[in-house]
Amino acid sequence: MSNLIFYPGILWKSVARGIVAFLALLTVYSLVLILISGWKFTWEQLTQFWYYILSLALGFGTQFGLYSYLKGIIKHQPSTGRVLAATGATSTTAMVSCCAHYLTNILPVLGVTGIITLIGEYQVQFFWIGLFFNLLGILYIGDKVLKVSHQQ
């Protein structure tokens, strides 16, 4: 670890971007719930599943911050080549799936009631799947950051 290259300027920008991504995901999640089911239901979901929701959003923000840091490092080290990193799309999907089963009020005409019922019935399992993929994404991007940070 003695030859680890550290970029404080890039780090602070990446942390700020991670915080913005965290807040943006919480905002999108809340707005989707409010638009679909109203404020009362949104509050019930947030109070009932806050630990899943915050964990998913934090994982997404962490992935976004790590990705931003990785991208910044690559700009300073053009010889490192192209590095692919996972995104937090699974986090967003898991959080939105929390409220998707309430779309049954407006979508039965389209024939998607079965899918929405399935999502609603397995809401907690979708949260766990999202958390698992968050962890995998963080480990993957974190590994890439460490590898690129060790190169000169």
Foldseek 3Di string as FASTA:
>chain_A
DVLFADDVVQLVVLLVQLVVQLVVLVVVLLVLCCVLPRDVVSVVCCVVCVVLLSLLSNLQSLLSSLVSSLVVLCVVVVVVDDDDADHLPLSSVLSNLCRQQSCCVPCVVVVCNVVNVVSNVCSVVSSVVSSVVSVVRNVRSVVSSRVSRNDD
